[in-house]
Amino acid sequence: MRPQARRTRLRACSFYGLHGKSRPLLTMSDKPKLRFGLPKGSLQDATIEKMAKAGFNIQVSSRSYIPYVDDEEMEIRLIRAQEISRYVEHEFLDCGITGLDWIRENDSKVHEVGEFLFSKATRQPARWVLCVPETSKVKSVKDLEGKRIATEVVQLTKRYLKQHGVKAEVEFSWGATEFKAHELVDAIVELTETGSSLRANKLRIVDTLLESTPRLIASHAAWKNKWKREKIETLAMLLKGALEAEAKVGLKMNIAKKNLDKLLQSLPALRNPTVSSLSLEGWVAVETIIDEHVAREIIPALKAAGAEGIIEYPLNKVVY
């Protein structure tokens, strides 16, 4: 038998078995993997940044929708946030990050693992708001009876109108929604974080339909799988720890024991501060975690209380 033919036969035997029954090969690719949906678009950079702080190095190529991640147990797919909840619900993805708005818009049946505030502009929720031009006579949703509304969240808007007993035409907007409010429709439902863009376009908010924050979601099947659930819970814990750390800093300082009580009274510690003895008798080291915005105010007070060698340092994660 020729060598090439022999190798082909061996490969066939290894796959079909000696009796011709199908039996999958055991390869490195058979290791369990978690298929994760990374939101493409406005949430993409923020998600990659938070994932990096959580310990996952993700590299996205402009030519591929399968980013690299330095975790052999994870596969990432780059998908628009609008679609992730549907793909998770139908189990094409095990889990993913998307906004609460798209979960509601798609009416997706998924398990919500956690809420993560990493809005593009602020740490506040984004809002879907009903808007009209500043000169419009519309004062409430009731005034939109028989009118036309443009939005990207058609189903959310229809449900909102139904809740208020209003019949109006809702059309899908492919973009430039803020402009349409002045010439093409009577009102719009648009996403805002700070409201600055709406004000710049001379629009007035009539009502808020939904406040939305990014959510880590999982398919019900993945959540029932012991290995996948543990992997997802670990990811959620690390992400939460990274977000908690963003607004906090660590403080270290030395102080004479006789001044310790006075210092502790002025220290808003996240937990009880750690106090350690120093080689220099009569002195101790104090370490704690505080909100970053408090540090600039409290450091002068700590110095006045007798603290020396004060060090402020950034944090990567704070896990409770």
C-alpha atoms as a PDB file:
ATOM      1  CA  MET A   1       0.000   0.000   0.000  1.00  0.00           C
ATOM      2  CA  ARG A   2       1.297   3.440  -0.880  1.00  0.00           C
ATOM      3  CA  PRO A   3       2.157   5.639   2.209  1.00  0.00           C
ATOM      4  CA  GLN A   4      -0.405   8.305   1.266  1.00  0.00           C
ATOM      5  CA  ALA A   5      -3.165   5.708   0.870  1.00  0.00           C
ATOM      6  CA  ARG A   6      -2.211   4.107   4.211  1.00  0.00           C
ATOM      7  CA  ARG A   7      -2.420   7.463   6.027  1.00  0.00           C
ATOM      8  CA  THR A   8      -5.812   8.119   4.448  1.00  0.00           C
ATOM      9  CA  ARG A   9      -7.065   4.721   5.594  1.00  0.00           C
ATOM     10  CA  LEU A  10      -5.798   5.277   9.137  1.00  0.00           C
ATOM     11  CA  ARG A  11      -7.563   8.631   9.319  1.00  0.00           C
ATOM     12  CA  ALA A  12     -10.769   7.041   8.090  1.00  0.00           C
ATOM     13  CA  CYS A  13     -10.522   4.228  10.645  1.00  0.00           C
ATOM     14  CA  SER A  14      -9.920   6.695  13.435  1.00  0.00           C
ATOM     15  CA  PHE A  15     -13.079   8.604  12.533  1.00  0.00           C
ATOM     16  CA  TYR A  16     -15.460   5.786  11.613  1.00  0.00           C
ATOM     17  CA  GLY A  17     -14.072   3.157  13.935  1.00  0.00           C
ATOM     18  CA  LEU A  18     -13.189  -0.426  13.132  1.00  0.00           C
ATOM     19  CA  HIS A  19     -16.812  -1.405  12.497  1.00  0.00           C
ATOM     20  CA  GLY A  20     -17.722   1.558  10.317  1.00  0.00           C
ATOM     21  CA  LYS A  21     -19.703   3.400  13.041  1.00  0.00           C
ATOM     22  CA  SER A  22     -19.303   7.127  13.248  1.00  0.00           C
ATOM     23  CA  ARG A  23     -17.155   8.205  16.182  1.00  0.00           C
ATOM     24  CA  PRO A  24     -15.748  11.742  16.491  1.00  0.00           C
ATOM     25  CA  LEU A  25     -12.035  12.261  16.778  1.00  0.00           C
ATOM     26  CA  LEU A  26     -10.688  13.548  20.081  1.00  0.00           C
ATOM     27  CA  THR A  27      -8.746  16.676  19.220  1.00  0.00           C
ATOM     28  CA  MET A  28      -7.727  19.877  20.937  1.00  0.00           C
ATOM     29  CA  SER A  29     -10.821  21.534  19.424  1.00  0.00           C
ATOM     30  CA  ASP A  30     -13.072  19.163  21.404  1.00  0.00           C
ATOM     31  CA  LYS A  31     -12.281  21.062  24.594  1.00  0.00           C
ATOM     32  CA  PRO A  32     -15.395  22.817  25.890  1.00  0.00           C
ATOM     33  CA  LYS A  33     -15.711  26.393  24.675  1.00  0.00           C
ATOM     34  CA  LEU A  34     -17.940  29.280  25.585  1.00  0.00           C
ATOM     35  CA  ARG A  35     -19.262  31.159  22.567  1.00  0.00           C
ATOM     36  CA  PHE A  36     -19.507  34.823  23.513  1.00  0.00           C
ATOM     37  CA  GLY A  37     -21.235  37.630  21.604  1.00  0.00           C
ATOM     38  CA  LEU A  38     -19.296  40.911  21.581  1.00  0.00           C
ATOM     39  CA  PRO A  39     -21.454  43.905  20.597  1.00  0.00           C
ATOM     40  CA  LYS A  40     -20.318  45.575  17.377  1.00  0.00           C
ATOM     41  CA  GLY A  41     -20.936  49.302  17.203  1.00  0.00           C
ATOM     42  CA  SER A  42     -21.328  51.873  19.982  1.00  0.00           C
ATOM     43  CA  LEU A  43     -20.680  49.401  22.814  1.00  0.00           C
ATOM     44  CA  GLN A  44     -17.743  47.661  21.131  1.00  0.00           C
ATOM     45  CA  ASP A  45     -14.788  49.745  22.366  1.00  0.00           C
ATOM     46  CA  ALA A  46     -16.190  50.083  25.886  1.00  0.00           C
ATOM     47  CA  THR A  47     -16.806  46.324  26.105  1.00  0.00           C
ATOM     48  CA  ILE A  48     -13.306  45.464  24.873  1.00  0.00           C
ATOM     49  CA  GLU A  49     -11.829  47.937  27.360  1.00  0.00           C
ATOM     50  CA  LYS A  50     -13.785  46.452  30.276  1.00  0.00           C
ATOM     51  CA  MET A  51     -12.979  42.913  29.185  1.00  0.00           C
ATOM     52  CA  ALA A  52      -9.273  43.843  29.181  1.00  0.00           C
ATOM     53  CA  LYS A  53      -9.551  45.134  32.738  1.00  0.00           C
ATOM     54  CA  ALA A  54     -11.329  41.908  33.641  1.00  0.00           C
ATOM     55  CA  GLY A  55      -8.291  40.011  32.312  1.00  0.00           C
ATOM     56  CA  PHE A  56      -9.357  39.084  28.774  1.00  0.00           C
ATOM     57  CA  ASN A  57      -7.175  40.457  25.978  1.00  0.00           C
ATOM     58  CA  ILE A  58      -9.342  40.839  22.865  1.00  0.00           C
ATOM     59  CA  GLN A  59      -7.995  41.887  19.475  1.00  0.00           C
ATOM     60  CA  VAL A  60     -10.397  42.785  16.676  1.00  0.00           C
ATOM     61  CA  SER A  61      -9.437  42.721  13.003  1.00  0.00           C
ATOM     62  CA  SER A  62     -11.255  44.954  10.534  1.00  0.00           C
ATOM     63  CA  ARG A  63     -11.463  41.963   8.188  1.00  0.00           C
ATOM     64  CA  SER A  64     -12.923  39.428  10.576  1.00  0.00           C
ATOM     65  CA  TYR A  65     -15.959  38.988  12.793  1.00  0.00           C
ATOM     66  CA  ILE A  66     -14.119  36.434  14.936  1.00  0.00           C
ATOM     67  CA  PRO A  67     -11.850  38.414  17.285  1.00  0.00           C
ATOM     68  CA  TYR A  68      -8.856  36.882  19.025  1.00  0.00           C
ATOM     69  CA  VAL A  69      -9.075  36.341  22.788  1.00  0.00           C
ATOM     70  CA  ASP A  70      -6.301  34.995  25.004  1.00  0.00           C
ATOM     71  CA  ASP A  71      -8.559  32.328  26.512  1.00  0.00           C
ATOM     72  CA  GLU A  72      -8.638  28.894  24.882  1.00  0.00           C
ATOM     73  CA  GLU A  73     -11.995  28.187  26.489  1.00  0.00           C
ATOM     74  CA  MET A  74     -13.729  31.101  24.787  1.00  0.00           C
ATOM     75  CA  GLU A  75     -14.761  31.912  21.228  1.00  0.00           C
ATOM     76  CA  ILE A  76     -15.938  35.418  20.369  1.00  0.00           C
ATOM     77  CA  ARG A  77     -18.288  36.515  17.626  1.00  0.00           C
ATOM     78  CA  LEU A  78     -18.596  40.205  16.755  1.00  0.00           C
ATOM     79  CA  ILE A  79     -22.315  40.890  16.241  1.00  0.00           C
ATOM     80  CA  ARG A  80     -24.464  44.001  16.352  1.00  0.00           C
ATOM     81  CA  ALA A  81     -25.960  44.629  19.785  1.00  0.00           C
ATOM     82  CA  GLN A  82     -29.416  44.682  18.187  1.00  0.00           C
ATOM     83  CA  GLU A  83     -29.067  40.999  17.259  1.00  0.00           C
ATOM     84  CA  ILE A  84     -27.153  39.435  20.141  1.00  0.00           C
ATOM     85  CA  SER A  85     -30.153  38.613  22.333  1.00  0.00           C
ATOM     86  CA  ARG A  86     -31.824  36.721  19.478  1.00  0.00           C
ATOM     87  CA  TYR A  87     -28.723  34.649  18.784  1.00  0.00           C
ATOM     88  CA  VAL A  88     -28.351  33.890  22.502  1.00  0.00           C
ATOM     89  CA  GLU A  89     -32.019  32.936  22.793  1.00  0.00           C
ATOM     90  CA  HIS A  90     -31.701  30.531  19.851  1.00  0.00           C
ATOM     91  CA  GLU A  91     -28.429  29.124  21.298  1.00  0.00           C
ATOM     92  CA  PHE A  92     -26.157  30.126  18.436  1.00  0.00           C
ATOM     93  CA  LEU A  93     -24.301  31.981  21.208  1.00  0.00           C
ATOM     94  CA  ASP A  94     -23.922  30.813  24.805  1.00  0.00           C
ATOM     95  CA  CYS A  95     -23.792  34.329  26.180  1.00  0.00           C
ATOM     96  CA  GLY A  96     -23.174  37.915  25.187  1.00  0.00           C
ATOM     97  CA  ILE A  97     -23.324  41.557  26.163  1.00  0.00           C
ATOM     98  CA  THR A  98     -26.113  43.739  24.839  1.00  0.00           C
ATOM     99  CA  GLY A  99     -28.399  46.483  26.057  1.00  0.00           C
ATOM    100  CA  LEU A 100     -31.594  45.894  27.989  1.00  0.00           C
ATOM    101  CA  ASP A 101     -33.310  47.856  25.218  1.00  0.00           C
ATOM    102  CA  TRP A 102     -32.543  45.225  22.584  1.00  0.00           C
ATOM    103  CA  ILE A 103     -33.540  42.381  24.877  1.00  0.00           C
ATOM    104  CA  ARG A 104     -36.912  44.095  25.278  1.00  0.00           C
ATOM    105  CA  GLU A 105     -37.193  45.128  21.630  1.00  0.00           C
ATOM    106  CA  ASN A 106     -36.618  41.522  20.507  1.00  0.00           C
ATOM    107  CA  ASP A 107     -38.694  40.126  23.402  1.00  0.00           C
ATOM    108  CA  SER A 108     -35.861  37.619  23.880  1.00  0.00           C
ATOM    109  CA  LYS A 109     -36.215  34.793  26.394  1.00  0.00           C
ATOM    110  CA  VAL A 110     -32.755  34.741  27.937  1.00  0.00           C
ATOM    111  CA  HIS A 111     -31.184  34.568  31.388  1.00  0.00           C
ATOM    112  CA  GLU A 112     -29.887  37.943  32.596  1.00  0.00           C
ATOM    113  CA  VAL A 113     -26.640  37.308  34.466  1.00  0.00           C
ATOM    114  CA  GLY A 114     -25.759  40.867  35.431  1.00  0.00           C
ATOM    115  CA  GLU A 115     -26.024  44.579  34.750  1.00  0.00           C
ATOM    116  CA  PHE A 116     -22.902  46.532  33.829  1.00  0.00           C
ATOM    117  CA  LEU A 117     -22.778  50.324  33.643  1.00  0.00           C
ATOM    118  CA  PHE A 118     -20.268  51.284  30.995  1.00  0.00           C
ATOM    119  CA  SER A 119     -22.138  53.771  28.884  1.00  0.00           C
ATOM    120  CA  LYS A 120     -20.149  55.586  26.177  1.00  0.00           C
ATOM    121  CA  ALA A 121     -20.456  59.021  27.759  1.00  0.00           C
ATOM    122  CA  THR A 122     -21.434  58.515  31.387  1.00  0.00           C
ATOM    123  CA  ARG A 123     -21.954  55.871  34.038  1.00  0.00           C
ATOM    124  CA  GLN A 124     -25.687  56.631  33.848  1.00  0.00           C
ATOM    125  CA  PRO A 125     -28.226  54.515  31.939  1.00  0.00           C
ATOM    126  CA  ALA A 126     -28.964  55.400  28.338  1.00  0.00           C
ATOM    127  CA  ARG A 127     -32.596  56.391  27.729  1.00  0.00           C
ATOM    128  CA  TRP A 128     -35.032  55.871  24.878  1.00  0.00           C
ATOM    129  CA  VAL A 129     -37.071  59.057  24.859  1.00  0.00           C
ATOM    130  CA  LEU A 130     -40.081  60.363  22.988  1.00  0.00           C
ATOM    131  CA  CYS A 131     -39.110  63.686  21.377  1.00  0.00           C
ATOM    132  CA  VAL A 132     -40.748  66.428  19.367  1.00  0.00           C
ATOM    133  CA  PRO A 133     -39.472  69.737  17.985  1.00  0.00           C
ATOM    134  CA  GLU A 134     -39.253  72.518  20.553  1.00  0.00           C
ATOM    135  CA  THR A 135     -42.029  74.375  18.708  1.00  0.00           C
ATOM    136  CA  SER A 136     -44.386  71.364  18.620  1.00  0.00           C
ATOM    137  CA  LYS A 137     -47.780  71.595  20.317  1.00  0.00           C
ATOM    138  CA  VAL A 138     -47.395  67.992  21.545  1.00  0.00           C
ATOM    139  CA  LYS A 139     -47.238  67.962  25.348  1.00  0.00           C
ATOM    140  CA  SER A 140     -47.855  64.265  26.076  1.00  0.00           C
ATOM    141  CA  VAL A 141     -48.087  60.947  24.272  1.00  0.00           C
ATOM    142  CA  LYS A 142     -51.874  61.381  24.160  1.00  0.00           C
ATOM    143  CA  ASP A 143     -51.365  64.217  21.666  1.00  0.00           C
ATOM    144  CA  LEU A 144     -49.863  61.766  19.154  1.00  0.00           C
ATOM    145  CA  GLU A 145     -53.139  60.026  18.352  1.00  0.00           C
ATOM    146  CA  GLY A 146     -53.193  59.380  14.594  1.00  0.00           C
ATOM    147  CA  LYS A 147     -49.699  60.836  14.151  1.00  0.00           C
ATOM    148  CA  ARG A 148     -46.501  59.298  12.767  1.00  0.00           C
ATOM    149  CA  ILE A 149     -43.425  58.346  14.834  1.00  0.00           C
ATOM    150  CA  ALA A 150     -39.986  57.314  13.562  1.00  0.00           C
ATOM    151  CA  THR A 151     -37.651  55.114  15.615  1.00  0.00           C
ATOM    152  CA  GLU A 152     -35.243  52.209  15.570  1.00  0.00           C
ATOM    153  CA  VAL A 153     -37.126  50.454  18.399  1.00  0.00           C
ATOM    154  CA  VAL A 154     -40.438  49.823  16.669  1.00  0.00           C
ATOM    155  CA  GLN A 155     -41.739  47.114  18.993  1.00  0.00           C
ATOM    156  CA  LEU A 156     -40.837  49.038  22.157  1.00  0.00           C
ATOM    157  CA  THR A 157     -42.624  52.074  20.805  1.00  0.00           C
ATOM    158  CA  LYS A 158     -45.726  50.124  19.763  1.00  0.00           C
ATOM    159  CA  ARG A 159     -45.986  48.553  23.208  1.00  0.00           C
ATOM    160  CA  TYR A 160     -45.564  51.976  24.828  1.00  0.00           C
ATOM    161  CA  LEU A 161     -48.357  53.467  22.721  1.00  0.00           C
ATOM    162  CA  LYS A 162     -50.612  50.514  23.492  1.00  0.00           C
ATOM    163  CA  GLN A 163     -50.031  50.973  27.235  1.00  0.00           C
ATOM    164  CA  HIS A 164     -51.226  54.575  26.890  1.00  0.00           C
ATOM    165  CA  GLY A 165     -54.161  53.744  24.622  1.00  0.00           C
ATOM    166  CA  VAL A 166     -52.752  55.720  21.704  1.00  0.00           C
ATOM    167  CA  LYS A 167     -53.035  54.663  18.070  1.00  0.00           C
ATOM    168  CA  ALA A 168     -50.265  56.060  15.914  1.00  0.00           C
ATOM    169  CA  GLU A 169     -48.167  54.945  12.962  1.00  0.00           C
ATOM    170  CA  VAL A 170     -44.687  53.749  13.911  1.00  0.00           C
ATOM    171  CA  GLU A 171     -42.079  53.504  11.177  1.00  0.00           C
ATOM    172  CA  PHE A 172     -38.567  52.108  11.334  1.00  0.00           C
ATOM    173  CA  SER A 173     -35.816  54.692  11.010  1.00  0.00           C
ATOM    174  CA  TRP A 174     -32.584  53.757   9.264  1.00  0.00           C
ATOM    175  CA  GLY A 175     -30.788  56.819  10.625  1.00  0.00           C
ATOM    176  CA  ALA A 176     -30.845  60.623  10.786  1.00  0.00           C
ATOM    177  CA  THR A 177     -33.821  60.207  13.105  1.00  0.00           C
ATOM    178  CA  GLU A 178     -33.323  63.560  14.837  1.00  0.00           C
ATOM    179  CA  PHE A 179     -33.607  65.388  11.517  1.00  0.00           C
ATOM    180  CA  LYS A 180     -36.854  63.614  10.620  1.00  0.00           C
ATOM    181  CA  ALA A 181     -38.668  65.100  13.605  1.00  0.00           C
ATOM    182  CA  HIS A 182     -38.632  68.531  11.962  1.00  0.00           C
ATOM    183  CA  GLU A 183     -39.865  67.633   8.478  1.00  0.00           C
ATOM    184  CA  LEU A 184     -40.935  64.024   7.961  1.00  0.00           C
ATOM    185  CA  VAL A 185     -42.697  62.785  11.109  1.00  0.00           C
ATOM    186  CA  ASP A 186     -44.545  64.184  14.108  1.00  0.00           C
ATOM    187  CA  ALA A 187     -42.285  62.668  16.766  1.00  0.00           C
ATOM    188  CA  ILE A 188     -39.341  60.356  17.227  1.00  0.00           C
ATOM    189  CA  VAL A 189     -38.202  57.847  19.827  1.00  0.00           C
ATOM    190  CA  GLU A 190     -34.436  58.196  20.111  1.00  0.00           C
ATOM    191  CA  LEU A 191     -31.592  57.022  22.345  1.00  0.00           C
ATOM    192  CA  THR A 192     -29.777  59.582  24.475  1.00  0.00           C
ATOM    193  CA  GLU A 193     -27.220  59.561  27.245  1.00  0.00           C
ATOM    194  CA  THR A 194     -26.760  63.217  28.092  1.00  0.00           C
ATOM    195  CA  GLY A 195     -29.458  64.880  25.984  1.00  0.00           C
ATOM    196  CA  SER A 196     -26.911  67.217  24.382  1.00  0.00           C
ATOM    197  CA  SER A 197     -27.522  65.987  20.834  1.00  0.00           C
ATOM    198  CA  LEU A 198     -31.275  66.408  21.220  1.00  0.00           C
ATOM    199  CA  ARG A 199     -30.838  69.969  22.478  1.00  0.00           C
ATOM    200  CA  ALA A 200     -28.472  70.741  19.616  1.00  0.00           C
ATOM    201  CA  ASN A 201     -31.167  69.593  17.196  1.00  0.00           C
ATOM    202  CA  LYS A 202     -33.811  71.703  18.958  1.00  0.00           C
ATOM    203  CA  LEU A 203     -35.774  68.721  20.220  1.00  0.00           C
ATOM    204  CA  ARG A 204     -37.796  68.490  23.414  1.00  0.00           C
ATOM    205  CA  ILE A 205     -38.230  65.320  25.471  1.00  0.00           C
ATOM    206  CA  VAL A 206     -41.866  64.437  26.101  1.00  0.00           C
ATOM    207  CA  ASP A 207     -41.409  61.164  27.977  1.00  0.00           C
ATOM    208  CA  THR A 208     -38.949  58.354  28.697  1.00  0.00           C
ATOM    209  CA  LEU A 209     -39.889  54.909  27.396  1.00  0.00           C
ATOM    210  CA  LEU A 210     -37.012  52.898  28.827  1.00  0.00           C
ATOM    211  CA  GLU A 211     -33.727  53.276  30.682  1.00  0.00           C
ATOM    212  CA  SER A 212     -31.195  50.826  29.334  1.00  0.00           C
ATOM    213  CA  THR A 213     -27.863  49.510  30.561  1.00  0.00           C
ATOM    214  CA  PRO A 214     -25.580  46.799  29.161  1.00  0.00           C
ATOM    215  CA  ARG A 215     -26.429  43.301  30.357  1.00  0.00           C
ATOM    216  CA  LEU A 216     -24.526  40.037  30.310  1.00  0.00           C
ATOM    217  CA  ILE A 217     -27.042  37.451  29.144  1.00  0.00           C
ATOM    218  CA  ALA A 218     -26.923  33.682  28.686  1.00  0.00           C
ATOM    219  CA  SER A 219     -29.059  31.160  26.891  1.00  0.00           C
ATOM    220  CA  HIS A 220     -31.155  28.985  29.175  1.00  0.00           C
ATOM    221  CA  ALA A 221     -29.348  25.913  27.836  1.00  0.00           C
ATOM    222  CA  ALA A 222     -25.911  27.366  28.610  1.00  0.00           C
ATOM    223  CA  TRP A 223     -27.060  28.387  32.094  1.00  0.00           C
ATOM    224  CA  LYS A 224     -28.130  24.777  32.785  1.00  0.00           C
ATOM    225  CA  ASN A 225     -24.725  23.481  31.670  1.00  0.00           C
ATOM    226  CA  LYS A 226     -22.485  23.279  34.760  1.00  0.00           C
ATOM    227  CA  TRP A 227     -19.220  24.108  32.986  1.00  0.00           C
ATOM    228  CA  LYS A 228     -20.637  26.959  30.914  1.00  0.00           C
ATOM    229  CA  ARG A 229     -22.486  28.450  33.871  1.00  0.00           C
ATOM    230  CA  GLU A 230     -19.325  28.498  35.990  1.00  0.00           C
ATOM    231  CA  LYS A 231     -17.408  30.110  33.111  1.00  0.00           C
ATOM    232  CA  ILE A 232     -20.111  32.758  32.659  1.00  0.00           C
ATOM    233  CA  GLU A 233     -20.285  33.450  36.402  1.00  0.00           C
ATOM    234  CA  THR A 234     -16.498  33.878  36.506  1.00  0.00           C
ATOM    235  CA  LEU A 235     -16.670  36.312  33.590  1.00  0.00           C
ATOM    236  CA  ALA A 236     -19.432  38.265  35.349  1.00  0.00           C
ATOM    237  CA  MET A 237     -17.461  38.417  38.603  1.00  0.00           C
ATOM    238  CA  LEU A 238     -14.311  39.695  36.877  1.00  0.00           C
ATOM    239  CA  LEU A 239     -16.245  42.262  34.834  1.00  0.00           C
ATOM    240  CA  LYS A 240     -18.037  43.537  37.914  1.00  0.00           C
ATOM    241  CA  GLY A 241     -14.733  43.735  39.788  1.00  0.00           C
ATOM    242  CA  ALA A 242     -13.172  45.733  36.955  1.00  0.00           C
ATOM    243  CA  LEU A 243     -16.090  48.179  36.906  1.00  0.00           C
ATOM    244  CA  GLU A 244     -16.076  48.570  40.683  1.00  0.00           C
ATOM    245  CA  ALA A 245     -12.375  49.410  40.552  1.00  0.00           C
ATOM    246  CA  GLU A 246     -12.779  52.183  37.965  1.00  0.00           C
ATOM    247  CA  ALA A 247     -14.149  54.710  40.430  1.00  0.00           C
ATOM    248  CA  LYS A 248     -11.891  53.737  43.323  1.00  0.00           C
ATOM    249  CA  VAL A 249      -8.233  54.055  44.310  1.00  0.00           C
ATOM    250  CA  GLY A 250      -6.030  52.514  46.943  1.00  0.00           C
ATOM    251  CA  LEU A 251      -4.322  54.565  49.644  1.00  0.00           C
ATOM    252  CA  LYS A 252      -1.260  53.639  51.676  1.00  0.00           C
ATOM    253  CA  MET A 253       0.308  55.687  54.444  1.00  0.00           C
ATOM    254  CA  ASN A 254       2.373  55.497  57.606  1.00  0.00           C
ATOM    255  CA  ILE A 255       1.395  57.062  60.912  1.00  0.00           C
ATOM    256  CA  ALA A 256       2.436  57.089  64.549  1.00  0.00           C
ATOM    257  CA  LYS A 257       0.283  54.805  66.709  1.00  0.00           C
ATOM    258  CA  LYS A 258      -0.632  57.713  68.972  1.00  0.00           C
ATOM    259  CA  ASN A 259      -2.313  59.426  66.004  1.00  0.00           C
ATOM    260  CA  LEU A 260      -4.017  56.310  64.578  1.00  0.00           C
ATOM    261  CA  ASP A 261      -7.445  56.831  66.144  1.00  0.00           C
ATOM    262  CA  LYS A 262      -7.604  60.400  64.858  1.00  0.00           C
ATOM    263  CA  LEU A 263      -6.678  59.251  61.351  1.00  0.00           C
ATOM    264  CA  LEU A 264      -9.210  56.408  61.265  1.00  0.00           C
ATOM    265  CA  GLN A 265     -12.010  58.787  62.137  1.00  0.00           C
ATOM    266  CA  SER A 266     -11.320  60.750  58.951  1.00  0.00           C
ATOM    267  CA  LEU A 267     -10.905  57.723  56.650  1.00  0.00           C
ATOM    268  CA  PRO A 268     -14.036  56.652  54.677  1.00  0.00           C
ATOM    269  CA  ALA A 269     -12.766  53.134  54.049  1.00  0.00           C
ATOM    270  CA  LEU A 270     -14.493  50.748  51.677  1.00  0.00           C
ATOM    271  CA  ARG A 271     -13.914  48.146  54.324  1.00  0.00           C
ATOM    272  CA  ASN A 272     -12.143  48.454  57.658  1.00  0.00           C
ATOM    273  CA  PRO A 273      -8.626  49.578  56.735  1.00  0.00           C
ATOM    274  CA  THR A 274      -5.696  47.208  57.077  1.00  0.00           C
ATOM    275  CA  VAL A 275      -3.311  48.273  59.826  1.00  0.00           C
ATOM    276  CA  SER A 276       0.161  46.682  59.945  1.00  0.00           C
ATOM    277  CA  SER A 277       3.060  47.174  62.311  1.00  0.00           C
ATOM    278  CA  LEU A 278       6.257  48.716  60.958  1.00  0.00           C
ATOM    279  CA  SER A 279       9.836  47.887  61.885  1.00  0.00           C
ATOM    280  CA  LEU A 280      10.058  51.380  63.328  1.00  0.00           C
ATOM    281  CA  GLU A 281       8.594  51.099  66.814  1.00  0.00           C
ATOM    282  CA  GLY A 282       5.544  53.202  67.513  1.00  0.00           C
ATOM    283  CA  TRP A 283       4.556  53.425  63.852  1.00  0.00           C
ATOM    284  CA  VAL A 284       2.027  51.523  61.717  1.00  0.00           C
ATOM    285  CA  ALA A 285       1.102  51.278  58.034  1.00  0.00           C
ATOM    286  CA  VAL A 286      -2.502  51.861  57.007  1.00  0.00           C
ATOM    287  CA  GLU A 287      -4.012  50.721  53.697  1.00  0.00           C
ATOM    288  CA  THR A 288      -7.544  51.197  52.398  1.00  0.00           C
ATOM    289  CA  ILE A 289      -9.703  51.698  49.301  1.00  0.00           C
ATOM    290  CA  ILE A 290     -11.784  54.833  48.734  1.00  0.00           C
ATOM    291  CA  ASP A 291     -13.760  56.530  45.954  1.00  0.00           C
ATOM    292  CA  GLU A 292     -11.365  58.362  43.634  1.00  0.00           C
ATOM    293  CA  HIS A 293     -13.192  61.672  43.878  1.00  0.00           C
ATOM    294  CA  VAL A 294     -12.810  61.555  47.681  1.00  0.00           C
ATOM    295  CA  ALA A 295      -9.024  61.145  47.512  1.00  0.00           C
ATOM    296  CA  ARG A 296      -8.272  64.735  46.525  1.00  0.00           C
ATOM    297  CA  GLU A 297     -10.330  65.974  49.452  1.00  0.00           C
ATOM    298  CA  ILE A 298      -9.123  63.563  52.109  1.00  0.00           C
ATOM    299  CA  ILE A 299      -5.365  63.461  51.444  1.00  0.00           C
ATOM    300  CA  PRO A 300      -4.784  66.938  52.961  1.00  0.00           C
ATOM    301  CA  ALA A 301      -6.859  65.860  55.991  1.00  0.00           C
ATOM    302  CA  LEU A 302      -4.810  62.680  56.359  1.00  0.00           C
ATOM    303  CA  LYS A 303      -1.610  64.719  56.200  1.00  0.00           C
ATOM    304  CA  ALA A 304      -2.962  67.044  58.887  1.00  0.00           C
ATOM    305  CA  ALA A 305      -3.811  64.007  61.036  1.00  0.00           C
ATOM    306  CA  GLY A 306      -0.147  62.979  61.000  1.00  0.00           C
ATOM    307  CA  ALA A 307       0.015  60.566  58.067  1.00  0.00           C
ATOM    308  CA  GLU A 308       3.303  60.348  56.164  1.00  0.00           C
ATOM    309  CA  GLY A 309       4.412  58.666  52.939  1.00  0.00           C
ATOM    310  CA  ILE A 310       0.896  58.791  51.500  1.00  0.00           C
ATOM    311  CA  ILE A 311       0.610  56.800  48.254  1.00  0.00           C
ATOM    312  CA  GLU A 312      -2.430  56.766  45.958  1.00  0.00           C
ATOM    313  CA  TYR A 313      -2.545  53.970  43.382  1.00  0.00           C
ATOM    314  CA  PRO A 314      -5.044  52.758  40.722  1.00  0.00           C
ATOM    315  CA  LEU A 315      -6.905  49.458  40.960  1.00  0.00           C
ATOM    316  CA  ASN A 316      -7.666  46.833  38.314  1.00  0.00           C
ATOM    317  CA  LYS A 317     -10.405  44.937  40.138  1.00  0.00           C
ATOM    318  CA  VAL A 318     -12.358  45.140  43.371  1.00  0.00           C
ATOM    319  CA  VAL A 319     -14.135  41.840  44.064  1.00  0.00           C
ATOM    320  CA  TYR A 320     -16.390  41.677  47.099  1.00  0.00           C
END
